Amino acid sequence: AGGPASELIMFIVAVIIAGSVAGALAYVTTDLANSMKDRGEMLA
């Protein structure tokens, strides 16, 4: 009876970690894209 509960907890933790990583990657990607845009405008 405890096995499925611990698997559910592990699954929820994995989803939270994956969401955090995805959010961080989205932030870094957006920041990088904005920096490239600014640099391109300065070069132009």
Full PDB file with SEQRES, HELIX, SHEET, SSBOND, CRYST1, ORIGX, SCALE, CONECT and MASTER records, all heavy atoms in Angstrom:
SEQRES   1 A   44  ALA GLY GLY PRO ALA SER GLU LEU ILE MET PHE ILE VAL          
SEQRES   2 A   44  ALA VAL ILE ILE ALA GLY SER VAL ALA GLY ALA LEU ALA          
SEQRES   3 A   44  TYR VAL THR THR ASP LEU ALA ASN SER MET LYS ASP ARG          
SEQRES   4 A   44  GLY GLU MET LEU ALA                                          
HELIX    1 AA1 GLY A    2  LEU A   43  1                                  42    
CRYST1    1.000    1.000    1.000  90.00  90.00  90.00 P 1           1          
ORIGX1      1.000000  0.000000  0.000000        0.00000                         
ORIGX2      0.000000  1.000000  0.000000        0.00000                         
ORIGX3      0.000000  0.000000  1.000000        0.00000                         
SCALE1      1.000000  0.000000  0.000000        0.00000                         
SCALE2      0.000000  1.000000  0.000000        0.00000                         
SCALE3      0.000000  0.000000  1.000000        0.00000                         
ATOM      1  N   ALA A   1       0.839  -1.197   0.000  1.00  0.00           N  
ATOM      2  CA  ALA A   1       0.000   0.000   0.000  1.00  0.00           C  
ATOM      3  C   ALA A   1       0.869   1.241   0.000  1.00  0.00           C  
ATOM      4  O   ALA A   1       0.530   2.253  -0.586  1.00  0.00           O  
ATOM      5  CB  ALA A   1      -0.919   0.005   1.194  1.00  0.00           C  
ATOM      6  N   GLY A   2       2.059   1.203   0.617  1.00  0.00           N  
ATOM      7  CA  GLY A   2       2.968   2.352   0.655  1.00  0.00           C  
ATOM      8  C   GLY A   2       3.720   2.526  -0.645  1.00  0.00           C  
ATOM      9  O   GLY A   2       4.181   3.606  -0.966  1.00  0.00           O  
ATOM     10  N   GLY A   3       3.879   1.483  -1.447  1.00  0.00           N  
ATOM     11  CA  GLY A   3       4.621   1.559  -2.710  1.00  0.00           C  
ATOM     12  C   GLY A   3       4.024   2.555  -3.685  1.00  0.00           C  
ATOM     13  O   GLY A   3       4.699   3.445  -4.172  1.00  0.00           O  
ATOM     14  N   PRO A   4       2.745   2.442  -3.995  1.00  0.00           N  
ATOM     15  CA  PRO A   4       2.145   3.401  -4.931  1.00  0.00           C  
ATOM     16  C   PRO A   4       2.174   4.830  -4.394  1.00  0.00           C  
ATOM     17  O   PRO A   4       2.343   5.773  -5.154  1.00  0.00           O  
ATOM     18  CB  PRO A   4       0.715   2.904  -5.101  1.00  0.00           C  
ATOM     19  CG  PRO A   4       0.755   1.459  -4.755  1.00  0.00           C  
ATOM     20  CD  PRO A   4       1.857   1.336  -3.720  1.00  0.00           C  
ATOM     21  N   ALA A   5       2.041   5.006  -3.095  1.00  0.00           N  
ATOM     22  CA  ALA A   5       2.073   6.355  -2.521  1.00  0.00           C  
ATOM     23  C   ALA A   5       3.462   6.975  -2.695  1.00  0.00           C  
ATOM     24  O   ALA A   5       3.595   8.142  -3.072  1.00  0.00           O  
ATOM     25  CB  ALA A   5       1.692   6.308  -1.055  1.00  0.00           C  
ATOM     26  N   SER A   6       4.514   6.191  -2.442  1.00  0.00           N  
ATOM     27  CA  SER A   6       5.864   6.740  -2.602  1.00  0.00           C  
ATOM     28  C   SER A   6       6.172   6.981  -4.078  1.00  0.00           C  
ATOM     29  O   SER A   6       6.861   7.940  -4.436  1.00  0.00           O  
ATOM     30  CB  SER A   6       6.906   5.827  -1.955  1.00  0.00           C  
ATOM     31  OG  SER A   6       7.012   4.613  -2.667  1.00  0.00           O  
ATOM     32  N   GLU A   7       5.653   6.116  -4.958  1.00  0.00           N  
ATOM     33  CA  GLU A   7       5.848   6.343  -6.393  1.00  0.00           C  
ATOM     34  C   GLU A   7       5.138   7.619  -6.833  1.00  0.00           C  
ATOM     35  O   GLU A   7       5.656   8.382  -7.647  1.00  0.00           O  
ATOM     36  CB  GLU A   7       5.329   5.150  -7.198  1.00  0.00           C  
ATOM     37  CG  GLU A   7       6.205   3.931  -7.081  1.00  0.00           C  
ATOM     38  CD  GLU A   7       5.627   2.728  -7.813  1.00  0.00           C  
ATOM     39  OE1 GLU A   7       4.618   2.888  -8.536  1.00  0.00           O  
ATOM     40  OE2 GLU A   7       6.181   1.636  -7.638  1.00  0.00           O  
ATOM     41  N   LEU A   8       3.954   7.857  -6.273  1.00  0.00           N  
ATOM     42  CA  LEU A   8       3.211   9.069  -6.592  1.00  0.00           C  
ATOM     43  C   LEU A   8       3.975  10.299  -6.114  1.00  0.00           C  
ATOM     44  O   LEU A   8       4.081  11.304  -6.827  1.00  0.00           O  
ATOM     45  CB  LEU A   8       1.811   9.007  -5.971  1.00  0.00           C  
ATOM     46  CG  LEU A   8       0.908  10.214  -6.249  1.00  0.00           C  
ATOM     47  CD1 LEU A   8       0.654  10.336  -7.754  1.00  0.00           C  
ATOM     48  CD2 LEU A   8      -0.412  10.071  -5.501  1.00  0.00           C  
ATOM     49  N   ILE A   9       4.530  10.221  -4.916  1.00  0.00           N  
ATOM     50  CA  ILE A   9       5.324  11.341  -4.387  1.00  0.00           C  
ATOM     51  C   ILE A   9       6.554  11.588  -5.252  1.00  0.00           C  
ATOM     52  O   ILE A   9       6.876  12.726  -5.606  1.00  0.00           O  
ATOM     53  CB  ILE A   9       5.705  11.082  -2.917  1.00  0.00           C  
ATOM     54  CG1 ILE A   9       4.461  11.154  -2.033  1.00  0.00           C  
ATOM     55  CG2 ILE A   9       6.750  12.081  -2.438  1.00  0.00           C  
ATOM     56  CD1 ILE A   9       4.681  10.708  -0.604  1.00  0.00           C  
ATOM     57  N   MET A  10       7.230  10.507  -5.624  1.00  0.00           N  
ATOM     58  CA  MET A  10       8.417  10.650  -6.486  1.00  0.00           C  
ATOM     59  C   MET A  10       8.033  11.244  -7.835  1.00  0.00           C  
ATOM     60  O   MET A  10       8.762  12.072  -8.395  1.00  0.00           O  
ATOM     61  CB  MET A  10       9.106   9.288  -6.668  1.00  0.00           C  
ATOM     62  CG  MET A  10       9.733   8.750  -5.399  1.00  0.00           C  
ATOM     63  SD  MET A  10      10.989   9.843  -4.740  1.00  0.00           S  
ATOM     64  CE  MET A  10      12.304   9.516  -5.867  1.00  0.00           C  
ATOM     65  N   PHE A  11       6.892  10.830  -8.370  1.00  0.00           N  
ATOM     66  CA  PHE A  11       6.433  11.370  -9.653  1.00  0.00           C  
ATOM     67  C   PHE A  11       6.149  12.872  -9.530  1.00  0.00           C  
ATOM     68  O   PHE A  11       6.540  13.667 -10.379  1.00  0.00           O  
ATOM     69  CB  PHE A  11       5.177  10.625 -10.116  1.00  0.00           C  
ATOM     70  CG  PHE A  11       4.589  11.181 -11.380  1.00  0.00           C  
ATOM     71  CD1 PHE A  11       5.208  10.967 -12.604  1.00  0.00           C  
ATOM     72  CD2 PHE A  11       3.424  11.948 -11.350  1.00  0.00           C  
ATOM     73  CE1 PHE A  11       4.691  11.490 -13.771  1.00  0.00           C  
ATOM     74  CE2 PHE A  11       2.903  12.477 -12.502  1.00  0.00           C  
ATOM     75  CZ  PHE A  11       3.532  12.252 -13.724  1.00  0.00           C  
ATOM     76  N   ILE A  12       5.492  13.269  -8.465  1.00  0.00           N  
ATOM     77  CA  ILE A  12       5.184  14.697  -8.251  1.00  0.00           C  
ATOM     78  C   ILE A  12       6.473  15.498  -8.106  1.00  0.00           C  
ATOM     79  O   ILE A  12       6.628  16.571  -8.690  1.00  0.00           O  
ATOM     80  CB  ILE A  12       4.257  14.867  -7.019  1.00  0.00           C  
ATOM     81  CG1 ILE A  12       2.876  14.279  -7.331  1.00  0.00           C  
ATOM     82  CG2 ILE A  12       4.155  16.324  -6.618  1.00  0.00           C  
ATOM     83  CD1 ILE A  12       1.942  14.202  -6.143  1.00  0.00           C  
ATOM     84  N   VAL A  13       7.436  14.972  -7.360  1.00  0.00           N  
ATOM     85  CA  VAL A  13       8.726  15.648  -7.198  1.00  0.00           C  
ATOM     86  C   VAL A  13       9.429  15.775  -8.548  1.00  0.00           C  
ATOM     87  O   VAL A  13       9.978  16.819  -8.887  1.00  0.00           O  
ATOM     88  CB  VAL A  13       9.607  14.903  -6.165  1.00  0.00           C  
ATOM     89  CG1 VAL A  13      11.033  15.422  -6.176  1.00  0.00           C  
ATOM     90  CG2 VAL A  13       9.013  15.034  -4.762  1.00  0.00           C  
ATOM     91  N   ALA A  14       9.407  14.704  -9.337  1.00  0.00           N  
ATOM     92  CA  ALA A  14      10.038  14.735 -10.660  1.00  0.00           C  
ATOM     93  C   ALA A  14       9.377  15.769 -11.554  1.00  0.00           C  
ATOM     94  O   ALA A  14      10.055  16.507 -12.296  1.00  0.00           O  
ATOM     95  CB  ALA A  14       9.989  13.348 -11.299  1.00  0.00           C  
ATOM     96  N   VAL A  15       8.039  15.853 -11.504  1.00  0.00           N  
ATOM     97  CA  VAL A  15       7.324  16.852 -12.313  1.00  0.00           C  
ATOM     98  C   VAL A  15       7.690  18.263 -11.860  1.00  0.00           C  
ATOM     99  O   VAL A  15       7.899  19.160 -12.684  1.00  0.00           O  
ATOM    100  CB  VAL A  15       5.797  16.611 -12.258  1.00  0.00           C  
ATOM    101  CG1 VAL A  15       5.028  17.781 -12.843  1.00  0.00           C  
ATOM    102  CG2 VAL A  15       5.442  15.320 -12.978  1.00  0.00           C  
ATOM    103  N   ILE A  16       7.791  18.502 -10.574  1.00  0.00           N  
ATOM    104  CA  ILE A  16       8.156  19.825 -10.045  1.00  0.00           C  
ATOM    105  C   ILE A  16       9.571  20.192 -10.489  1.00  0.00           C  
ATOM    106  O   ILE A  16       9.825  21.317 -10.939  1.00  0.00           O  
ATOM    107  CB  ILE A  16       8.018  19.867  -8.504  1.00  0.00           C  
ATOM    108  CG1 ILE A  16       6.541  19.803  -8.113  1.00  0.00           C  
ATOM    109  CG2 ILE A  16       8.677  21.109  -7.930  1.00  0.00           C  
ATOM    110  CD1 ILE A  16       6.287  19.635  -6.621  1.00  0.00           C  
ATOM    111  N   ILE A  17      10.494  19.244 -10.371  1.00  0.00           N  
ATOM    112  CA  ILE A  17      11.885  19.507 -10.791  1.00  0.00           C  
ATOM    113  C   ILE A  17      11.940  19.772 -12.290  1.00  0.00           C  
ATOM    114  O   ILE A  17      12.594  20.716 -12.740  1.00  0.00           O  
ATOM    115  CB  ILE A  17      12.801  18.337 -10.383  1.00  0.00           C  
ATOM    116  CG1 ILE A  17      12.964  18.308  -8.856  1.00  0.00           C  
ATOM    117  CG2 ILE A  17      14.165  18.467 -11.066  1.00  0.00           C  
ATOM    118  CD1 ILE A  17      13.701  17.088  -8.336  1.00  0.00           C  
ATOM    119  N   ALA A  18      11.245  18.979 -13.072  1.00  0.00           N  
ATOM    120  CA  ALA A  18      11.235  19.175 -14.525  1.00  0.00           C  
ATOM    121  C   ALA A  18      10.639  20.536 -14.881  1.00  0.00           C  
ATOM    122  O   ALA A  18      11.126  21.242 -15.768  1.00  0.00           O  
ATOM    123  CB  ALA A  18      10.457  18.057 -15.209  1.00  0.00           C  
ATOM    124  N   GLY A  19       9.566  20.924 -14.185  1.00  0.00           N  
ATOM    125  CA  GLY A  19       8.962  22.242 -14.416  1.00  0.00           C  
ATOM    126  C   GLY A  19       9.927  23.363 -14.075  1.00  0.00           C  
ATOM    127  O   GLY A  19      10.015  24.367 -14.785  1.00  0.00           O  
ATOM    128  N   SER A  20      10.663  23.202 -12.973  1.00  0.00           N  
ATOM    129  CA  SER A  20      11.650  24.223 -12.581  1.00  0.00           C  
ATOM    130  C   SER A  20      12.762  24.336 -13.608  1.00  0.00           C  
ATOM    131  O   SER A  20      13.168  25.438 -13.987  1.00  0.00           O  
ATOM    132  CB  SER A  20      12.249  23.887 -11.219  1.00  0.00           C  
ATOM    133  OG  SER A  20      11.255  23.872 -10.235  1.00  0.00           O  
ATOM    134  N   VAL A  21      13.259  23.202 -14.072  1.00  0.00           N  
ATOM    135  CA  VAL A  21      14.317  23.208 -15.087  1.00  0.00           C  
ATOM    136  C   VAL A  21      13.806  23.841 -16.378  1.00  0.00           C  
ATOM    137  O   VAL A  21      14.473  24.671 -17.007  1.00  0.00           O  
ATOM    138  CB  VAL A  21      14.855  21.777 -15.329  1.00  0.00           C  
ATOM    139  CG1 VAL A  21      15.747  21.720 -16.551  1.00  0.00           C  
ATOM    140  CG2 VAL A  21      15.603  21.278 -14.102  1.00  0.00           C  
ATOM    141  N   ALA A  22      12.590  23.479 -16.786  1.00  0.00           N  
ATOM    142  CA  ALA A  22      12.013  24.044 -18.013  1.00  0.00           C  
ATOM    143  C   ALA A  22      11.844  25.558 -17.871  1.00  0.00           C  
ATOM    144  O   ALA A  22      12.117  26.312 -18.802  1.00  0.00           O  
ATOM    145  CB  ALA A  22      10.672  23.370 -18.313  1.00  0.00           C  
ATOM    146  N   GLY A  23      11.402  26.011 -16.708  1.00  0.00           N  
ATOM    147  CA  GLY A  23      11.249  27.451 -16.476  1.00  0.00           C  
ATOM    148  C   GLY A  23      12.584  28.182 -16.542  1.00  0.00           C  
ATOM    149  O   GLY A  23      12.696  29.247 -17.141  1.00  0.00           O  
ATOM    150  N   ALA A  24      13.605  27.585 -15.927  1.00  0.00           N  
ATOM    151  CA  ALA A  24      14.942  28.194 -15.958  1.00  0.00           C  
ATOM    152  C   ALA A  24      15.475  28.248 -17.385  1.00  0.00           C  
ATOM    153  O   ALA A  24      16.043  29.257 -17.815  1.00  0.00           O  
ATOM    154  CB  ALA A  24      15.895  27.419 -15.052  1.00  0.00           C  
ATOM    155  N   LEU A  25      15.297  27.152 -18.148  1.00  0.00           N  
ATOM    156  CA  LEU A  25      15.749  27.134 -19.540  1.00  0.00           C  
ATOM    157  C   LEU A  25      14.996  28.174 -20.379  1.00  0.00           C  
ATOM    158  O   LEU A  25      15.584  28.837 -21.230  1.00  0.00           O  
ATOM    159  CB  LEU A  25      15.591  25.741 -20.137  1.00  0.00           C  
ATOM    160  CG  LEU A  25      16.589  24.689 -19.650  1.00  0.00           C  
ATOM    161  CD1 LEU A  25      16.234  23.323 -20.230  1.00  0.00           C  
ATOM    162  CD2 LEU A  25      18.009  25.073 -20.029  1.00  0.00           C  
ATOM    163  N   ALA A  26      13.706  28.324 -20.139  1.00  0.00           N  
ATOM    164  CA  ALA A  26      12.917  29.322 -20.870  1.00  0.00           C  
ATOM    165  C   ALA A  26      13.432  30.733 -20.563  1.00  0.00           C  
ATOM    166  O   ALA A  26      13.566  31.561 -21.462  1.00  0.00           O  
ATOM    167  CB  ALA A  26      11.439  29.186 -20.516  1.00  0.00           C  
ATOM    168  N   TYR A  27      13.723  30.998 -19.289  1.00  0.00           N  
ATOM    169  CA  TYR A  27      14.246  32.311 -18.900  1.00  0.00           C  
ATOM    170  C   TYR A  27      15.596  32.583 -19.562  1.00  0.00           C  
ATOM    171  O   TYR A  27      15.823  33.650 -20.121  1.00  0.00           O  
ATOM    172  CB  TYR A  27      14.376  32.406 -17.376  1.00  0.00           C  
ATOM    173  CG  TYR A  27      15.041  33.674 -16.925  1.00  0.00           C  
ATOM    174  CD1 TYR A  27      14.339  34.862 -16.891  1.00  0.00           C  
ATOM    175  CD2 TYR A  27      16.392  33.682 -16.555  1.00  0.00           C  
ATOM    176  CE1 TYR A  27      14.951  36.045 -16.503  1.00  0.00           C  
ATOM    177  CE2 TYR A  27      17.012  34.850 -16.176  1.00  0.00           C  
ATOM    178  CZ  TYR A  27      16.292  36.030 -16.146  1.00  0.00           C  
ATOM    179  OH  TYR A  27      16.917  37.186 -15.760  1.00  0.00           O  
ATOM    180  N   VAL A  28      16.499  31.605 -19.517  1.00  0.00           N  
ATOM    181  CA  VAL A  28      17.831  31.764 -20.113  1.00  0.00           C  
ATOM    182  C   VAL A  28      17.717  31.957 -21.620  1.00  0.00           C  
ATOM    183  O   VAL A  28      18.386  32.816 -22.201  1.00  0.00           O  
ATOM    184  CB  VAL A  28      18.730  30.553 -19.762  1.00  0.00           C  
ATOM    185  CG1 VAL A  28      20.000  30.553 -20.589  1.00  0.00           C  
ATOM    186  CG2 VAL A  28      19.063  30.554 -18.282  1.00  0.00           C  
ATOM    187  N   THR A  29      16.849  31.187 -22.265  1.00  0.00           N  
ATOM    188  CA  THR A  29      16.668  31.308 -23.713  1.00  0.00           C  
ATOM    189  C   THR A  29      16.123  32.682 -24.078  1.00  0.00           C  
ATOM    190  O   THR A  29      16.591  33.313 -25.021  1.00  0.00           O  
ATOM    191  CB  THR A  29      15.722  30.198 -24.223  1.00  0.00           C  
ATOM    192  OG1 THR A  29      16.270  28.929 -23.864  1.00  0.00           O  
ATOM    193  CG2 THR A  29      15.542  30.276 -25.717  1.00  0.00           C  
ATOM    194  N   THR A  30      15.145  33.167 -23.342  1.00  0.00           N  
ATOM    195  CA  THR A  30      14.577  34.494 -23.600  1.00  0.00           C  
ATOM    196  C   THR A  30      15.625  35.568 -23.384  1.00  0.00           C  
ATOM    197  O   THR A  30      15.756  36.502 -24.192  1.00  0.00           O  
ATOM    198  CB  THR A  30      13.363  34.743 -22.679  1.00  0.00           C  
ATOM    199  OG1 THR A  30      12.399  33.723 -22.914  1.00  0.00           O  
ATOM    200  CG2 THR A  30      12.741  36.097 -22.940  1.00  0.00           C  
ATOM    201  N   ASP A  31      16.393  35.462 -22.310  1.00  0.00           N  
ATOM    202  CA  ASP A  31      17.442  36.434 -22.025  1.00  0.00           C  
ATOM    203  C   ASP A  31      18.495  36.435 -23.132  1.00  0.00           C  
ATOM    204  O   ASP A  31      18.934  37.492 -23.588  1.00  0.00           O  
ATOM    205  CB  ASP A  31      18.094  36.120 -20.674  1.00  0.00           C  
ATOM    206  CG  ASP A  31      19.044  37.213 -20.218  1.00  0.00           C  
ATOM    207  OD1 ASP A  31      18.669  38.396 -20.327  1.00  0.00           O  
ATOM    208  OD2 ASP A  31      20.153  36.872 -19.765  1.00  0.00           O  
ATOM    209  N   LEU A  32      18.892  35.270 -23.590  1.00  0.00           N  
ATOM    210  CA  LEU A  32      19.865  35.145 -24.671  1.00  0.00           C  
ATOM    211  C   LEU A  32      19.321  35.747 -25.973  1.00  0.00           C  
ATOM    212  O   LEU A  32      20.024  36.478 -26.676  1.00  0.00           O  
ATOM    213  CB  LEU A  32      20.238  33.674 -24.874  1.00  0.00           C  
ATOM    214  CG  LEU A  32      21.293  33.365 -25.927  1.00  0.00           C  
ATOM    215  CD1 LEU A  32      22.605  34.035 -25.570  1.00  0.00           C  
ATOM    216  CD2 LEU A  32      21.484  31.868 -26.058  1.00  0.00           C  
ATOM    217  N   ALA A  33      18.066  35.476 -26.281  1.00  0.00           N  
ATOM    218  CA  ALA A  33      17.456  36.017 -27.504  1.00  0.00           C  
ATOM    219  C   ALA A  33      17.384  37.538 -27.451  1.00  0.00           C  
ATOM    220  O   ALA A  33      17.683  38.219 -28.441  1.00  0.00           O  
ATOM    221  CB  ALA A  33      16.061  35.431 -27.693  1.00  0.00           C  
ATOM    222  N   ASN A  34      17.023  38.095 -26.289  1.00  0.00           N  
ATOM    223  CA  ASN A  34      16.971  39.554 -26.144  1.00  0.00           C  
ATOM    224  C   ASN A  34      18.355  40.174 -26.276  1.00  0.00           C  
ATOM    225  O   ASN A  34      18.516  41.230 -26.884  1.00  0.00           O  
ATOM    226  CB  ASN A  34      16.330  39.943 -24.810  1.00  0.00           C  
ATOM    227  CG  ASN A  34      14.841  39.687 -24.795  1.00  0.00           C  
ATOM    228  OD1 ASN A  34      14.201  39.630 -25.837  1.00  0.00           O  
ATOM    229  ND2 ASN A  34      14.285  39.521 -23.608  1.00  0.00           N  
ATOM    230  N   SER A  35      19.361  39.521 -25.706  1.00  0.00           N  
ATOM    231  CA  SER A  35      20.736  40.025 -25.815  1.00  0.00           C  
ATOM    232  C   SER A  35      21.208  40.018 -27.265  1.00  0.00           C  
ATOM    233  O   SER A  35      21.845  40.959 -27.728  1.00  0.00           O  
ATOM    234  CB  SER A  35      21.687  39.185 -24.965  1.00  0.00           C  
ATOM    235  OG  SER A  35      21.374  39.302 -23.607  1.00  0.00           O  
ATOM    236  N   MET A  36      20.879  38.956 -27.996  1.00  0.00           N  
ATOM    237  CA  MET A  36      21.268  38.873 -29.404  1.00  0.00           C  
ATOM    238  C   MET A  36      20.552  39.952 -30.217  1.00  0.00           C  
ATOM    239  O   MET A  36      21.147  40.563 -31.112  1.00  0.00           O  
ATOM    240  CB  MET A  36      20.955  37.487 -29.959  1.00  0.00           C  
ATOM    241  CG  MET A  36      21.888  36.407 -29.404  1.00  0.00           C  
ATOM    242  SD  MET A  36      21.427  34.736 -29.884  1.00  0.00           S  
ATOM    243  CE  MET A  36      21.518  34.814 -31.646  1.00  0.00           C  
ATOM    244  N   LYS A  37      19.300  40.214 -29.915  1.00  0.00           N  
ATOM    245  CA  LYS A  37      18.550  41.260 -30.612  1.00  0.00           C  
ATOM    246  C   LYS A  37      19.180  42.625 -30.358  1.00  0.00           C  
ATOM    247  O   LYS A  37      19.392  43.411 -31.286  1.00  0.00           O  
ATOM    248  CB  LYS A  37      17.099  41.253 -30.140  1.00  0.00           C  
ATOM    249  CG  LYS A  37      16.249  42.325 -30.763  1.00  0.00           C  
ATOM    250  CD  LYS A  37      14.839  42.301 -30.181  1.00  0.00           C  
ATOM    251  CE  LYS A  37      14.101  43.542 -30.603  1.00  0.00           C  
ATOM    252  NZ  LYS A  37      13.042  43.902 -29.700  1.00  0.00           N  
ATOM    253  N   ASP A  38      19.493  42.925 -29.093  1.00  0.00           N  
ATOM    254  CA  ASP A  38      20.120  44.206 -28.756  1.00  0.00           C  
ATOM    255  C   ASP A  38      21.468  44.356 -29.445  1.00  0.00           C  
ATOM    256  O   ASP A  38      21.792  45.419 -29.982  1.00  0.00           O  
ATOM    257  CB  ASP A  38      20.292  44.340 -27.236  1.00  0.00           C  
ATOM    258  CG  ASP A  38      18.970  44.449 -26.509  1.00  0.00           C  
ATOM    259  OD1 ASP A  38      17.938  44.720 -27.164  1.00  0.00           O  
ATOM    260  OD2 ASP A  38      18.967  44.248 -25.275  1.00  0.00           O  
ATOM    261  N   ARG A  39      22.249  43.299 -29.435  1.00  0.00           N  
ATOM    262  CA  ARG A  39      23.569  43.329 -30.076  1.00  0.00           C  
ATOM    263  C   ARG A  39      23.437  43.543 -31.585  1.00  0.00           C  
ATOM    264  O   ARG A  39      24.201  44.296 -32.183  1.00  0.00           O  
ATOM    265  CB  ARG A  39      24.295  42.019 -29.777  1.00  0.00           C  
ATOM    266  CG  ARG A  39      25.637  41.880 -30.348  1.00  0.00           C  
ATOM    267  CD  ARG A  39      26.647  42.624 -29.527  1.00  0.00           C  
ATOM    268  NE  ARG A  39      27.955  42.382 -30.099  1.00  0.00           N  
ATOM    269  CZ  ARG A  39      29.051  42.564 -29.482  1.00  0.00           C  
ATOM    270  NH1 ARG A  39      29.037  43.003 -28.258  1.00  0.00           N  
ATOM    271  NH2 ARG A  39      30.185  42.336 -30.063  1.00  0.00           N  
ATOM    272  N   GLY A  40      22.450  42.914 -32.204  1.00  0.00           N  
ATOM    273  CA  GLY A  40      22.199  43.088 -33.631  1.00  0.00           C  
ATOM    274  C   GLY A  40      21.805  44.512 -33.968  1.00  0.00           C  
ATOM    275  O   GLY A  40      22.261  45.081 -34.967  1.00  0.00           O  
ATOM    276  N   GLU A  41      20.960  45.118 -33.114  1.00  0.00           N  
ATOM    277  CA  GLU A  41      20.559  46.511 -33.334  1.00  0.00           C  
ATOM    278  C   GLU A  41      21.752  47.450 -33.199  1.00  0.00           C  
ATOM    279  O   GLU A  41      21.894  48.401 -33.968  1.00  0.00           O  
ATOM    280  CB  GLU A  41      19.452  46.901 -32.358  1.00  0.00           C  
ATOM    281  CG  GLU A  41      18.120  46.260 -32.668  1.00  0.00           C  
ATOM    282  CD  GLU A  41      17.072  46.510 -31.602  1.00  0.00           C  
ATOM    283  OE1 GLU A  41      17.377  47.158 -30.579  1.00  0.00           O  
ATOM    284  OE2 GLU A  41      15.936  46.041 -31.784  1.00  0.00           O  
ATOM    285  N   MET A  42      22.633  47.191 -32.227  1.00  0.00           N  
ATOM    286  CA  MET A  42      23.829  48.026 -32.062  1.00  0.00           C  
ATOM    287  C   MET A  42      24.750  47.896 -33.274  1.00  0.00           C  
ATOM    288  O   MET A  42      25.301  48.886 -33.752  1.00  0.00           O  
ATOM    289  CB  MET A  42      24.581  47.646 -30.778  1.00  0.00           C  
ATOM    290  CG  MET A  42      23.906  48.118 -29.527  1.00  0.00           C  
ATOM    291  SD  MET A  42      24.678  47.629 -27.948  1.00  0.00           S  
ATOM    292  CE  MET A  42      26.295  47.124 -28.328  1.00  0.00           C  
ATOM    293  N   LEU A  43      24.914  46.681 -33.771  1.00  0.00           N  
ATOM    294  CA  LEU A  43      25.755  46.460 -34.936  1.00  0.00           C  
ATOM    295  C   LEU A  43      25.168  47.141 -36.166  1.00  0.00           C  
ATOM    296  O   LEU A  43      25.883  47.780 -36.937  1.00  0.00           O  
ATOM    297  CB  LEU A  43      25.938  44.968 -35.183  1.00  0.00           C  
ATOM    298  CG  LEU A  43      26.815  44.578 -36.371  1.00  0.00           C  
ATOM    299  CD1 LEU A  43      28.219  45.148 -36.207  1.00  0.00           C  
ATOM    300  CD2 LEU A  43      26.867  43.072 -36.516  1.00  0.00           C  
ATOM    301  N   ALA A  44      23.855  47.041 -36.351  1.00  0.00           N  
ATOM    302  CA  ALA A  44      23.197  47.694 -37.492  1.00  0.00           C  
ATOM    303  C   ALA A  44      23.368  49.202 -37.407  1.00  0.00           C  
ATOM    304  O   ALA A  44      23.653  49.865 -38.418  1.00  0.00           O  
ATOM    305  CB  ALA A  44      21.718  47.324 -37.531  1.00  0.00           C  
TER     306      ALA A  44                                                      
MASTER        0    0    0    1    0    0    0    6  305    1    0    4          
END                                                                             
